Protein backbone atom coordinates (compact mmCIF):
# COMPACT_ATOMS: atom_id res chain seq x y z
CA MET A 1 -30.44 59.43 87.12
CA GLN A 2 -31.09 62.68 89.26
CA ASN A 3 -28.14 61.38 91.64
CA VAL A 4 -25.74 60.92 88.57
CA ARG A 5 -26.44 64.49 87.33
CA THR A 6 -26.15 66.02 90.87
CA THR A 7 -22.70 64.23 91.17
CA GLN A 8 -21.62 65.60 87.92
CA ILE A 9 -22.48 69.12 88.69
CA ILE A 10 -20.60 68.72 92.08
CA TYR A 11 -17.54 67.38 90.42
CA LEU A 12 -17.72 70.09 87.83
CA LEU A 13 -17.97 72.75 90.60
CA CYS A 14 -15.10 71.42 92.52
CA ALA A 15 -12.89 71.25 89.27
CA ILE A 16 -13.88 74.87 88.74
CA ALA A 17 -12.93 75.76 92.30
CA PHE A 18 -9.78 74.01 92.12
CA VAL A 19 -8.67 75.73 88.77
CA VAL A 20 -9.65 79.05 90.33
CA ILE A 21 -7.56 78.30 93.64
CA VAL A 22 -4.47 77.11 91.48
CA ALA A 23 -4.68 80.09 89.35
CA ARG A 24 -4.78 82.62 92.27
CA ALA A 25 -1.97 80.70 93.98
CA ILE A 26 0.31 81.06 90.64
CA SER A 27 -0.55 84.55 90.05
CA SER A 28 0.10 85.50 93.45
CA VAL A 29 3.75 84.27 93.62
CA LYS A 30 6.08 86.85 92.30
CA GLY A 31 9.18 85.70 90.28
CA PRO A 32 12.49 87.80 90.47
CA GLU A 33 11.42 89.42 87.33
CA ASP A 34 8.16 90.66 88.83
CA PHE A 35 9.35 92.40 91.91
CA VAL A 36 12.06 95.31 92.55
CA VAL A 37 14.81 94.41 94.82
CA THR A 38 14.72 96.64 97.78
CA ALA A 39 17.52 95.22 99.96
CA THR A 40 20.66 97.61 99.92
CA THR A 41 24.25 96.53 99.56
CA GLU A 42 24.81 97.41 103.30
CA GLU A 43 21.86 95.09 104.31
CA VAL A 44 22.97 92.36 102.09
CA GLN A 45 26.75 92.81 103.43
CA ALA A 46 25.37 92.65 107.06
CA PHE A 47 23.23 89.49 106.37
CA ALA A 48 26.19 87.77 104.74
CA ARG A 49 28.55 88.73 107.73
CA GLU A 50 25.92 87.01 110.09
CA GLN A 51 25.89 83.98 107.96
CA LEU A 52 29.52 83.61 107.54
CA ALA A 53 30.04 84.33 111.37
CA ALA A 54 27.91 81.41 112.06
CA LEU A 55 29.67 79.16 109.72
CA GLN A 56 33.47 79.94 110.66
CA GLU A 57 33.83 77.58 113.59
CA ARG A 58 32.41 74.57 111.82
CA SER A 59 34.54 75.57 108.74
CA PHE A 60 37.55 75.49 110.82
CA ALA A 61 36.81 72.33 112.67
CA GLU A 62 36.16 70.37 109.49
CA ASP A 63 38.70 72.23 107.34
CA THR A 64 36.08 72.56 104.54
CA GLU A 65 34.50 75.50 102.73
CA TYR A 66 30.72 76.13 103.21
CA CYS A 67 28.82 78.29 100.77
CA GLY A 68 25.42 79.46 99.92
CA ILE A 69 23.28 82.16 98.36
CA ILE A 70 21.52 85.28 99.78
CA PHE A 71 18.15 85.91 98.19
CA GLU A 72 15.50 88.62 98.66
CA ASP A 73 11.98 87.11 98.71
CA SER A 74 8.75 88.76 97.25
CA ASN A 75 8.12 90.25 100.81
CA GLY A 76 11.39 91.97 100.74
CA ASP A 77 13.05 89.90 103.44
CA LEU A 78 16.58 88.48 103.00
CA GLY A 79 17.18 84.72 103.31
CA ALA A 80 19.82 82.14 102.66
CA GLY A 81 19.41 79.07 100.36
CA ARG A 82 20.62 75.72 101.54
CA ILE A 83 24.21 75.81 102.77
CA LEU A 84 26.48 73.74 100.82
CA THR A 85 29.44 71.65 101.88
CA GLY A 86 32.49 72.18 99.77
CA GLU A 87 35.88 70.70 99.86
CA ARG A 88 39.13 71.96 101.57
CA ALA A 89 39.96 74.63 98.94
CA SER A 90 36.58 74.96 97.08
CA CYS A 91 32.86 74.97 97.12
CA ASP A 92 30.56 74.75 94.08
CA ILE A 93 27.68 77.36 94.60
CA ALA A 94 24.75 76.30 92.59
CA TYR A 95 21.35 77.93 92.74
CA PHE A 96 18.19 77.75 91.04
CA ASP A 97 15.71 80.65 90.25
CA GLU A 98 12.71 79.89 92.17
CA PRO A 99 9.53 81.59 92.26
CA GLY A 100 9.33 84.41 94.67
CA MET A 101 13.13 85.02 95.18
CA ALA A 102 15.72 86.93 93.69
CA PRO A 103 19.25 85.88 94.07
CA LEU A 104 21.54 88.78 95.28
CA ALA A 105 24.82 87.59 96.48
CA SER A 106 26.98 84.44 97.22
CA PHE A 107 29.08 83.70 100.36
CA HIS A 108 31.57 81.35 101.30
CA THR A 109 34.14 80.43 104.16
CA HIS A 110 37.70 79.70 103.29
CA GLY A 111 38.09 76.65 105.49
CA GLY A 112 40.74 76.34 108.30
CA PHE A 113 44.11 77.65 108.18
CA GLY A 114 46.81 75.97 106.15
CA GLU A 115 50.27 77.38 105.36
CA GLU A 116 49.96 75.85 101.73
CA PHE A 117 47.05 78.14 100.88
CA ASP A 118 46.90 82.11 100.58
CA SER A 119 43.43 81.90 102.15
CA GLU A 120 43.46 85.33 103.66
CA VAL A 121 42.30 86.89 100.34
CA PRO A 122 39.75 85.82 97.82
CA SER A 123 41.03 83.44 95.00
CA THR A 124 41.16 84.68 91.42
CA ILE A 125 38.46 81.94 90.82
CA ASP A 126 36.24 83.39 93.63
CA LEU A 127 36.39 86.92 92.06
CA LYS A 128 36.09 85.73 88.41
CA SER A 129 33.01 83.63 89.18
CA ASP A 130 31.37 86.51 90.90
CA ILE A 131 32.05 88.82 88.15
CA ALA A 132 30.72 86.23 85.65
CA SER A 133 27.43 85.75 87.61
CA ARG A 134 27.14 89.46 87.82
CA MET A 135 26.44 89.04 91.52
CA ASP A 136 28.51 90.10 94.59
CA GLY A 137 30.20 87.42 96.69
CA TYR A 138 31.26 87.50 100.30
CA VAL A 139 34.10 85.50 101.59
CA SER A 140 35.51 84.89 105.15
CA THR A 141 39.00 83.77 105.99
CA PRO A 142 40.68 81.74 108.65
CA GLY A 143 42.19 85.08 110.03
CA GLY A 144 38.73 86.43 110.46
CA ARG A 145 38.80 88.68 107.39
CA PHE A 146 35.53 89.64 105.61
CA TRP A 147 35.68 90.37 101.98
CA ARG A 148 33.23 91.64 99.32
CA ASN A 149 33.79 90.63 95.66
CA ASP A 150 32.14 93.72 93.80
CA ALA A 151 30.95 92.11 90.65
CA GLU A 152 30.23 95.49 89.01
CA ALA A 153 33.54 96.97 89.79
CA GLY A 154 35.59 93.66 89.25
CA LYS A 155 37.21 93.94 92.72
CA SER A 156 37.68 92.33 95.90
CA ILE A 157 37.36 94.90 98.79
CA LEU A 158 38.34 94.15 102.24
CA VAL A 159 35.34 94.96 104.32
CA CYS A 160 37.01 94.40 107.63
CA GLY A 161 40.42 93.06 109.02
CA PRO A 162 41.56 90.21 111.14
CA GLY A 163 39.43 89.12 113.81
CA CYS A 164 36.22 90.93 112.75
CA LEU A 165 34.67 87.47 111.99
CA PRO A 166 35.57 84.27 114.25
CA ARG A 167 39.14 83.32 113.69
CA ASP A 168 40.75 79.80 113.51
CA PRO A 169 42.75 79.11 116.52
CA ALA A 170 45.46 77.66 114.33
CA TYR A 171 45.79 80.94 112.34
CA ARG A 172 49.22 82.47 112.26
CA PRO A 173 49.54 85.92 110.40
CA CYS A 174 52.14 86.32 107.80
CA PRO A 175 53.40 90.05 107.86
CA ALA A 176 55.33 89.56 104.62
CA ALA A 177 51.99 88.73 102.80
CA GLU A 178 49.80 91.19 104.60
CA PRO A 179 46.61 91.51 102.31
CA LYS A 180 46.14 94.97 100.58
CA PRO A 181 42.70 96.74 101.05
CA GLU A 182 41.54 95.71 97.35
CA TYR A 183 42.53 93.45 94.50
CA SER A 184 41.68 93.15 90.73
CA VAL A 185 41.82 89.86 88.98
CA THR A 186 45.19 90.83 87.76
CA SER A 187 46.56 91.75 91.18
CA LEU A 188 45.18 88.56 92.89
CA ARG A 189 46.90 86.63 90.23
CA ALA A 190 50.21 88.49 90.66
CA ARG A 191 49.90 87.80 94.39
CA PHE A 192 49.51 84.18 93.93
CA GLU A 193 52.13 83.83 91.55
CA ARG A 194 54.57 85.55 94.06
CA GLY A 195 53.28 82.88 96.69
CA THR A 196 53.67 83.07 100.44
CA GLU A 197 56.75 80.98 100.94
CA ARG A 198 58.38 83.82 102.79
CA CYS A 199 56.01 82.93 106.00
């Protein structure tokens, strides 16, 4: 009888200890709403540039878009979620709010060079999606351009020009369709409606 009582007390103490450990673990993990984002736009942009530079050659070789999400964790460090493989002209960025991370920006490549695509600028869908998500987006192009979709301003802004990121060896510039330094959804739509047949 004494052994049964001792065993019950030990199980009870173990259960209490387990509850305390789990409660502490849950309370120590900060959700995005529990911490202040400390990363600057410049830091996020530099991080996005590194991620895209690392993906360019694979994107060209496979003629596929790759995309991901940049987040800040509860320690203030930047990280990238799982890199997703898209298709030739799209990549469906999906992310889940996880405890301890705040999503800050999306990024994606534009695959390999192809004359049938105006891939040296973000698409209207790229910009509209970033505006709708209220999160900046970064885009790399086959010509090595690096763009920031500023969700708040509603504009695609050229951060740096041809060759600032790795360039597709098949890339051929089109002087008649040289990108402007920035676009709105309306001006991107007008560019796509004009087309690049002149090249």
